[in-house]
Amino acid sequence: MKRLTTLALIVGLCTVAGLFLSSGLDDVAAAVVSAGWGAAIVVLARALAVAWAGFGWFVVFPKADRPRLRDCVSLRFVREGINTLLPVAQVGGDFVGARLLSQRGVSGGLAGASMFVDLMTQAVTQFLFTVGGVAFLAWLHGDGPVVRTVAGGLAIAAPALAAFFLIQRRSGHRVIQALLSRFAAAREWRALGAVDVLYDGLRRLYSSPKRVGAAMVVHMAGWIVGAVEVYVALHFMGYPVTVAEAIVIESLAQAVRGAAFAVPGALGAQEGGLIALCAIFGIPAEVALALSLVKRLADLLVGVPGLVAWHFMEGKGTLEDEGTPAPTETRNVPESLVPRKSGDVVRPAIVEPLPMQRVAANTGAPHTVGMVMESEMGALRKCA
């Protein structure tokens, strides 16, 4: 998997370099400079959208087990920084966020389940946002090749979304348990308990359509805020677009990014998609690439603080673990093994306490989910 990600990164970088060279570096640089204060507004809009997405993660929890809002928001910035800036697939940060949330009073099973529900609500709202963008495009320019291509992609994405939802329900639980029972080695049987706890958390979260619906409303508003980035940036560059046109560009560009989820940062995919979409509205390639650079600037200025926060969170967690005294156990030795001297009173000997292997604070099956995710994301933790 790491080799494929590296290969995708190399291909993306080569694509970006080719697009910039073919469009003219001086022209792209001039378009970026013309954005001026519009770039700052785009960065602020991105920060607002990420914080708002953290609120969307927060509302899926039941009140009795709801974490602090600031934890969800800060961890959402961590997720964003990892997904956009590190050379990993665009879902790596979500697993890190779930693991860090399990260190903040939320059980491992519920933290993992919340991550899957949050991804599901984002995917569904992005699908609906893309449908709206296609509808606007058909209304503005009729049934063209772009409309038909995106409609075909949506036809493929719909059953994939349905499958992702079903795998989180009872039928998916049975399938995963059957696979683990059949193929898991003896040392991996503990994963069965983790799966049970994870699906218990999923059942709890999906049992409230009201909370799931509220999260979808929040995320839909976040996608619309993304269209503000396009509207503002192009306006400052001297190519004003309407709200409907901004929604078309943003929704379909995000669809391209989603399709290229295996490419770190969607390098090349975002740039090529924006060139094709902006061309529909008469916007030249160099301006489309400048728009992409402004968006990359927002990725950087919003993502770097998230990575810095991740570094300190991991360091704090390590220090807390090292400061936790290891529990001890005493063992009674059978009386027959106690050495005796003549005249001694027979007593059972007690061996000095032996240190047990230290475990994390959240023990039990819920922590197993955190252990599984931690092992999967070991490479990411090294980056912190």
Protein backbone atom coordinates (compact mmCIF):
# COMPACT_ATOMS: atom_id res chain seq x y z
CA MET A 1 0.00 0.00 0.00
CA LYS A 2 2.85 2.37 0.83
CA ARG A 3 4.42 1.75 -2.58
CA LEU A 4 1.16 2.51 -4.36
CA THR A 5 0.78 5.72 -2.37
CA THR A 6 4.34 6.74 -3.23
CA LEU A 7 3.75 5.98 -6.90
CA ALA A 8 0.52 8.01 -6.87
CA LEU A 9 2.39 10.90 -5.24
CA ILE A 10 5.08 10.84 -7.93
CA VAL A 11 2.51 10.75 -10.72
CA GLY A 12 0.61 13.62 -9.10
CA LEU A 13 3.71 15.77 -8.78
CA CYS A 14 4.67 15.13 -12.40
CA THR A 15 1.14 16.06 -13.51
CA VAL A 16 1.21 19.29 -11.52
CA ALA A 17 4.61 20.22 -12.95
CA GLY A 18 3.43 19.56 -16.50
CA LEU A 19 0.27 21.63 -16.07
CA PHE A 20 2.12 24.61 -14.64
CA LEU A 21 4.82 24.53 -17.30
CA SER A 22 2.29 24.30 -20.11
CA SER A 23 0.24 27.20 -18.74
CA GLY A 24 3.21 29.50 -18.14
CA LEU A 25 4.68 30.07 -14.71
CA ASP A 26 4.69 33.88 -15.08
CA ASP A 27 0.99 33.98 -15.99
CA VAL A 28 0.06 31.72 -13.06
CA ALA A 29 2.16 33.81 -10.66
CA ALA A 30 0.51 37.03 -11.88
CA ALA A 31 -2.95 35.51 -11.33
CA VAL A 32 -2.02 34.43 -7.81
CA VAL A 33 -0.71 37.90 -6.95
CA SER A 34 -3.93 39.44 -8.25
CA ALA A 35 -5.91 37.45 -5.68
CA GLY A 36 -4.56 39.79 -2.99
CA TRP A 37 -6.73 39.89 0.10
CA GLY A 38 -9.02 37.35 -1.49
CA ALA A 39 -6.47 34.67 -0.58
CA ALA A 40 -6.71 35.68 3.09
CA ILE A 41 -10.50 35.44 2.93
CA VAL A 42 -10.18 31.96 1.40
CA VAL A 43 -7.94 30.86 4.29
CA LEU A 44 -10.44 32.19 6.84
CA ALA A 45 -13.28 30.43 5.03
CA ARG A 46 -11.33 27.17 5.10
CA ALA A 47 -10.61 27.46 8.82
CA LEU A 48 -14.31 28.10 9.43
CA ALA A 49 -15.27 25.08 7.31
CA VAL A 50 -12.90 22.77 9.20
CA ALA A 51 -14.12 23.97 12.60
CA TRP A 52 -17.70 23.58 11.39
CA ALA A 53 -16.91 20.00 10.31
CA GLY A 54 -15.67 19.37 13.85
CA PHE A 55 -19.07 20.48 15.10
CA GLY A 56 -20.64 18.01 12.67
CA TRP A 57 -18.57 15.24 14.27
CA PHE A 58 -19.61 16.43 17.72
CA VAL A 59 -23.37 16.23 17.12
CA VAL A 60 -23.38 12.52 16.21
CA PHE A 61 -22.59 11.57 19.82
CA PRO A 62 -25.36 10.87 22.36
CA LYS A 63 -25.45 13.47 25.11
CA ALA A 64 -24.37 11.02 27.82
CA ASP A 65 -21.13 10.15 25.99
CA ARG A 66 -20.50 13.36 24.10
CA PRO A 67 -16.91 14.66 24.21
CA ARG A 68 -16.06 18.31 24.59
CA LEU A 69 -16.74 20.40 21.52
CA ARG A 70 -13.22 21.83 21.56
CA ASP A 71 -11.79 18.29 21.41
CA CYS A 72 -13.82 17.48 18.29
CA VAL A 73 -12.85 20.77 16.66
CA SER A 74 -9.14 20.52 17.48
CA LEU A 75 -8.98 16.90 16.35
CA ARG A 76 -10.78 17.84 13.15
CA PHE A 77 -7.91 20.22 12.39
CA VAL A 78 -5.49 17.33 13.05
CA ARG A 79 -7.43 15.12 10.64
CA GLU A 80 -7.39 17.86 8.02
CA GLY A 81 -3.66 18.46 8.34
CA ILE A 82 -2.80 14.77 7.96
CA ASN A 83 -5.18 14.18 5.07
CA THR A 84 -4.07 17.19 3.04
CA LEU A 85 -0.37 17.60 3.82
CA LEU A 86 1.14 14.21 4.61
CA PRO A 87 2.03 11.62 1.95
CA VAL A 88 -0.78 9.26 2.91
CA ALA A 89 -4.18 8.42 1.48
CA GLN A 90 -6.81 11.05 2.27
CA VAL A 91 -8.43 9.01 5.07
CA GLY A 92 -5.34 8.39 7.23
CA GLY A 93 -6.03 11.37 9.47
CA ASP A 94 -9.50 10.08 10.33
CA PHE A 95 -8.08 7.00 12.05
CA VAL A 96 -5.60 9.14 13.96
CA GLY A 97 -8.43 11.44 15.06
CA ALA A 98 -10.48 8.50 16.36
CA ARG A 99 -7.51 7.14 18.31
CA LEU A 100 -6.75 10.53 19.88
CA LEU A 101 -10.42 10.96 20.79
CA SER A 102 -10.29 7.63 22.66
CA GLN A 103 -7.67 9.26 24.91
CA ARG A 104 -10.10 12.01 25.89
CA GLY A 105 -12.74 10.13 27.85
CA VAL A 106 -14.51 8.45 24.92
CA SER A 107 -14.38 4.66 24.77
CA GLY A 108 -12.37 3.21 21.91
CA GLY A 109 -15.38 1.50 20.35
CA LEU A 110 -17.49 4.65 20.36
CA ALA A 111 -14.62 6.80 19.06
CA GLY A 112 -14.03 4.42 16.14
CA ALA A 113 -17.74 4.19 15.41
CA SER A 114 -18.08 7.99 15.43
CA MET A 115 -15.32 8.23 12.85
CA PHE A 116 -17.18 5.89 10.50
CA VAL A 117 -20.50 7.71 11.01
CA ASP A 118 -18.79 11.05 10.44
CA LEU A 119 -17.23 9.77 7.20
CA MET A 120 -20.62 8.43 6.12
CA THR A 121 -22.42 11.73 6.70
CA GLN A 122 -19.69 13.62 4.86
CA ALA A 123 -19.82 11.21 1.93
CA VAL A 124 -23.60 11.40 1.64
CA THR A 125 -23.66 15.20 1.80
CA GLN A 126 -20.82 15.44 -0.73
CA PHE A 127 -22.81 13.16 -3.04
CA LEU A 128 -25.86 15.44 -2.71
CA PHE A 129 -23.68 18.52 -3.17
CA THR A 130 -22.29 17.03 -6.39
CA VAL A 131 -25.80 16.21 -7.60
CA GLY A 132 -26.70 19.86 -7.03
CA GLY A 133 -23.62 20.99 -8.96
CA VAL A 134 -24.52 18.76 -11.91
CA ALA A 135 -28.07 20.10 -11.86
CA PHE A 136 -26.80 23.70 -11.94
CA LEU A 137 -24.39 22.85 -14.76
CA ALA A 138 -27.15 21.24 -16.84
CA TRP A 139 -29.36 24.27 -16.19
CA LEU A 140 -26.64 26.74 -17.21
CA HIS A 141 -25.06 24.93 -20.17
CA GLY A 142 -27.35 22.06 -21.08
CA ASP A 143 -26.54 18.37 -21.33
CA GLY A 144 -22.86 18.32 -22.30
CA PRO A 145 -20.04 15.77 -21.99
CA VAL A 146 -19.08 16.98 -18.50
CA VAL A 147 -22.64 16.49 -17.26
CA ARG A 148 -22.80 12.99 -18.71
CA THR A 149 -19.38 12.06 -17.30
CA VAL A 150 -20.18 13.25 -13.80
CA ALA A 151 -23.62 11.63 -13.94
CA GLY A 152 -21.92 8.34 -14.80
CA GLY A 153 -19.57 8.77 -11.85
CA LEU A 154 -22.52 9.43 -9.56
CA ALA A 155 -24.21 6.26 -10.82
CA ILE A 156 -21.12 4.32 -9.75
CA ALA A 157 -20.77 6.17 -6.44
CA ALA A 158 -24.37 5.56 -5.32
CA PRO A 159 -24.05 1.76 -4.85
CA ALA A 160 -20.61 2.27 -3.29
CA LEU A 161 -22.17 4.59 -0.69
CA ALA A 162 -24.94 2.07 -0.06
CA ALA A 163 -22.37 -0.69 0.44
CA PHE A 164 -20.38 1.49 2.86
CA PHE A 165 -23.55 2.04 4.89
CA LEU A 166 -24.60 -1.62 4.86
CA ILE A 167 -21.18 -2.79 5.99
CA GLN A 168 -21.69 -0.69 9.13
CA ARG A 169 -25.01 -2.35 9.90
CA ARG A 170 -25.89 -5.78 11.29
CA SER A 171 -25.34 -7.63 8.01
CA GLY A 172 -21.83 -6.19 7.74
CA HIS A 173 -21.14 -7.22 11.33
CA ARG A 174 -21.99 -10.83 10.52
CA VAL A 175 -19.83 -10.82 7.38
CA ILE A 176 -16.77 -9.43 9.18
CA GLN A 177 -17.18 -11.83 12.09
CA ALA A 178 -17.43 -14.76 9.68
CA LEU A 179 -14.29 -13.66 7.83
CA LEU A 180 -12.31 -13.22 11.04
CA SER A 181 -13.49 -16.55 12.40
CA ARG A 182 -12.44 -18.29 9.21
CA PHE A 183 -9.14 -16.64 8.43
CA ALA A 184 -7.81 -15.00 11.63
CA ALA A 185 -4.80 -16.59 13.26
CA ALA A 186 -4.88 -17.56 16.93
CA ARG A 187 -3.20 -14.35 18.10
CA GLU A 188 -5.69 -12.27 16.09
CA TRP A 189 -8.83 -13.65 17.70
CA ARG A 190 -8.91 -10.69 20.07
CA ALA A 191 -10.01 -8.63 17.05
CA LEU A 192 -13.40 -10.35 17.31
CA GLY A 193 -14.06 -8.55 20.58
CA ALA A 194 -12.98 -5.26 19.02
CA VAL A 195 -15.40 -5.78 16.13
CA ASP A 196 -18.27 -6.46 18.54
CA VAL A 197 -17.54 -3.27 20.47
CA LEU A 198 -17.20 -1.24 17.28
CA TYR A 199 -20.58 -2.40 15.98
CA ASP A 200 -22.17 -1.76 19.36
CA GLY A 201 -21.00 1.84 18.98
CA LEU A 202 -22.32 2.02 15.42
CA ARG A 203 -25.73 0.75 16.52
CA ARG A 204 -25.87 3.37 19.25
CA LEU A 205 -25.00 6.21 16.90
CA TYR A 206 -27.28 5.13 14.06
CA SER A 207 -30.16 4.53 16.48
CA SER A 208 -30.81 8.29 16.51
CA PRO A 209 -31.78 9.50 13.02
CA LYS A 210 -32.16 12.97 14.50
CA ARG A 211 -28.46 13.21 15.41
CA VAL A 212 -27.36 11.73 12.09
CA GLY A 213 -29.64 14.12 10.21
CA ALA A 214 -28.30 17.08 12.17
CA ALA A 215 -24.73 16.06 11.28
CA MET A 216 -25.70 15.90 7.61
CA VAL A 217 -27.16 19.41 7.75
CA VAL A 218 -23.95 20.70 9.35
CA HIS A 219 -21.73 19.05 6.74
CA MET A 220 -23.88 20.27 3.85
CA ALA A 221 -23.43 23.82 5.10
CA GLY A 222 -19.69 23.17 5.21
CA TRP A 223 -19.62 22.14 1.55
CA ILE A 224 -21.43 25.35 0.62
CA VAL A 225 -18.81 27.38 2.52
CA GLY A 226 -16.27 25.77 0.19
CA ALA A 227 -18.05 27.40 -2.74
CA VAL A 228 -17.37 30.76 -1.08
CA GLU A 229 -13.65 30.11 -1.61
CA VAL A 230 -14.16 29.83 -5.38
CA TYR A 231 -16.51 32.82 -5.53
CA VAL A 232 -14.15 35.12 -3.59
CA ALA A 233 -10.88 34.01 -5.22
CA LEU A 234 -12.15 34.36 -8.80
CA HIS A 235 -13.75 37.71 -8.00
CA PHE A 236 -10.42 39.13 -6.76
CA MET A 237 -8.60 37.68 -9.78
CA GLY A 238 -10.88 39.59 -12.12
CA TYR A 239 -13.07 36.69 -13.25
CA PRO A 240 -16.28 37.08 -11.26
CA VAL A 241 -18.71 34.15 -11.31
CA THR A 242 -22.24 33.73 -10.06
CA VAL A 243 -23.11 31.74 -6.95
CA ALA A 244 -24.45 28.91 -9.12
CA GLU A 245 -21.24 28.80 -11.15
CA ALA A 246 -19.13 28.79 -7.97
CA ILE A 247 -21.18 25.85 -6.66
CA VAL A 248 -20.65 23.98 -9.94
CA ILE A 249 -16.87 24.49 -9.84
CA GLU A 250 -16.51 23.64 -6.15
CA SER A 251 -18.84 20.64 -6.07
CA LEU A 252 -17.36 18.96 -9.14
CA ALA A 253 -13.79 19.78 -8.09
CA GLN A 254 -14.47 18.14 -4.72
CA ALA A 255 -15.90 15.15 -6.56
CA VAL A 256 -12.63 14.86 -8.49
CA ARG A 257 -10.68 15.06 -5.22
CA GLY A 258 -12.88 12.37 -3.72
CA ALA A 259 -12.34 10.10 -6.70
CA ALA A 260 -8.57 10.57 -6.29
CA PHE A 261 -8.63 9.74 -2.56
CA ALA A 262 -5.63 7.38 -2.94
CA VAL A 263 -3.44 10.25 -4.22
CA PRO A 264 -1.89 12.27 -1.38
CA GLY A 265 -3.46 15.71 -1.41
CA ALA A 266 -5.16 14.85 -4.73
CA LEU A 267 -2.07 16.28 -6.42
CA GLY A 268 -2.67 16.72 -10.13
CA ALA A 269 -6.31 15.69 -9.86
CA GLN A 270 -7.38 18.98 -8.29
CA GLU A 271 -5.41 21.05 -10.79
CA GLY A 272 -6.64 19.15 -13.85
CA GLY A 273 -10.23 19.19 -12.62
CA LEU A 274 -10.22 22.94 -12.00
CA ILE A 275 -8.76 23.64 -15.45
CA ALA A 276 -11.55 21.61 -17.10
CA LEU A 277 -14.32 23.09 -14.97
CA CYS A 278 -13.18 26.72 -15.22
CA ALA A 279 -12.89 26.35 -19.01
CA ILE A 280 -16.66 25.76 -19.14
CA PHE A 281 -17.18 29.31 -17.90
CA GLY A 282 -14.47 30.90 -20.05
CA ILE A 283 -11.82 31.09 -17.33
CA PRO A 284 -8.29 30.49 -18.69
CA ALA A 285 -6.05 27.69 -17.46
CA GLU A 286 -3.56 29.95 -15.70
CA VAL A 287 -6.34 31.43 -13.56
CA ALA A 288 -7.65 27.95 -12.76
CA LEU A 289 -4.16 26.93 -11.64
CA ALA A 290 -3.90 30.10 -9.57
CA LEU A 291 -7.21 29.17 -7.93
CA SER A 292 -5.75 25.77 -7.14
CA LEU A 293 -2.66 27.41 -5.61
CA VAL A 294 -4.83 29.62 -3.42
CA LYS A 295 -6.66 26.52 -2.25
CA ARG A 296 -3.31 24.81 -1.60
CA LEU A 297 -2.28 27.86 0.43
CA ALA A 298 -5.40 27.39 2.56
CA ASP A 299 -4.52 23.69 2.92
CA LEU A 300 -1.09 24.70 4.19
CA LEU A 301 -2.06 27.49 6.58
CA VAL A 302 -4.92 25.47 8.08
CA GLY A 303 -3.19 22.10 8.00
CA VAL A 304 0.18 23.01 9.55
CA PRO A 305 -1.34 24.13 12.89
CA GLY A 306 -3.21 20.82 12.93
CA LEU A 307 0.03 18.89 12.46
CA VAL A 308 1.73 20.92 15.20
CA ALA A 309 -1.20 20.22 17.52
CA TRP A 310 -0.95 16.51 16.66
CA HIS A 311 2.75 16.53 17.58
CA PHE A 312 2.04 17.99 21.02
CA MET A 313 -0.95 15.69 21.59
CA GLU A 314 1.15 12.62 20.87
CA GLY A 315 3.97 13.91 23.06
CA LYS A 316 1.59 14.67 25.92
CA GLY A 317 0.05 11.23 25.66
CA THR A 318 3.48 9.59 25.78
CA LEU A 319 4.50 11.56 28.86
CA GLU A 320 1.26 10.66 30.63
CA ASP A 321 1.83 6.98 29.85
CA GLU A 322 5.40 7.13 31.15
CA GLY A 323 4.27 8.85 34.33
CA THR A 324 1.66 6.22 35.13
CA PRO A 325 3.02 3.83 37.79
CA ALA A 326 3.01 0.24 36.69
CA PRO A 327 0.61 -1.96 38.69
CA THR A 328 2.09 -4.85 40.62
CA GLU A 329 0.89 -8.24 41.63
CA THR A 330 1.81 -10.51 44.54
CA ARG A 331 2.00 -14.24 44.24
CA ASN A 332 1.57 -16.68 47.09
CA VAL A 333 4.05 -19.54 46.94
CA PRO A 334 2.79 -22.94 48.09
CA GLU A 335 3.77 -23.73 51.67
CA SER A 336 5.68 -26.81 50.58
CA LEU A 337 8.15 -24.64 48.69
CA VAL A 338 8.96 -22.37 51.65
CA PRO A 339 12.47 -22.96 53.00
CA ARG A 340 12.46 -23.67 56.73
CA LYS A 341 14.99 -23.98 59.51
CA SER A 342 14.62 -26.00 62.60
CA GLY A 343 12.37 -24.21 65.08
CA ASP A 344 11.00 -21.78 62.52
CA VAL A 345 7.31 -21.11 62.41
CA VAL A 346 5.88 -22.23 59.10
CA ARG A 347 4.55 -19.31 57.11
CA PRO A 348 3.70 -18.98 53.43
CA ALA A 349 6.43 -17.02 51.73
CA ILE A 350 5.56 -14.02 49.63
CA VAL A 351 7.72 -13.26 46.67
CA GLU A 352 8.58 -9.63 46.12
CA PRO A 353 6.04 -7.85 43.89
CA LEU A 354 6.68 -8.43 40.22
CA PRO A 355 5.93 -5.63 37.76
CA MET A 356 3.15 -6.41 35.36
CA GLN A 357 3.13 -5.19 31.82
CA ARG A 358 1.65 -1.72 31.88
CA VAL A 359 -1.52 -1.16 29.90
CA ALA A 360 -3.27 2.00 28.87
CA ALA A 361 -5.97 3.57 31.01
CA ASN A 362 -8.84 2.55 28.75
CA THR A 363 -8.68 -1.21 29.19
CA GLY A 364 -11.05 -3.84 27.94
CA ALA A 365 -12.60 -4.42 24.58
CA PRO A 366 -13.15 -0.73 23.75
CA HIS A 367 -9.41 -0.12 23.99
CA THR A 368 -8.81 -2.97 21.58
CA VAL A 369 -10.25 -0.81 18.81
CA GLY A 370 -7.74 1.89 19.70
CA MET A 371 -4.95 -0.71 19.63
CA VAL A 372 -6.00 -1.92 16.22
CA MET A 373 -6.18 1.58 14.80
CA GLU A 374 -2.85 2.48 16.45
CA SER A 375 -1.12 -0.46 14.82
CA GLU A 376 -2.60 0.49 11.45
CA MET A 377 -1.48 4.08 11.80
CA GLY A 378 2.00 3.40 13.24
CA ALA A 379 3.71 5.07 10.29
CA LEU A 380 1.66 8.21 10.80
CA ARG A 381 2.58 8.43 14.48
CA LYS A 382 6.27 8.57 13.49
CA CYS A 383 5.51 11.79 11.60
CA ALA A 384 4.37 13.42 14.83
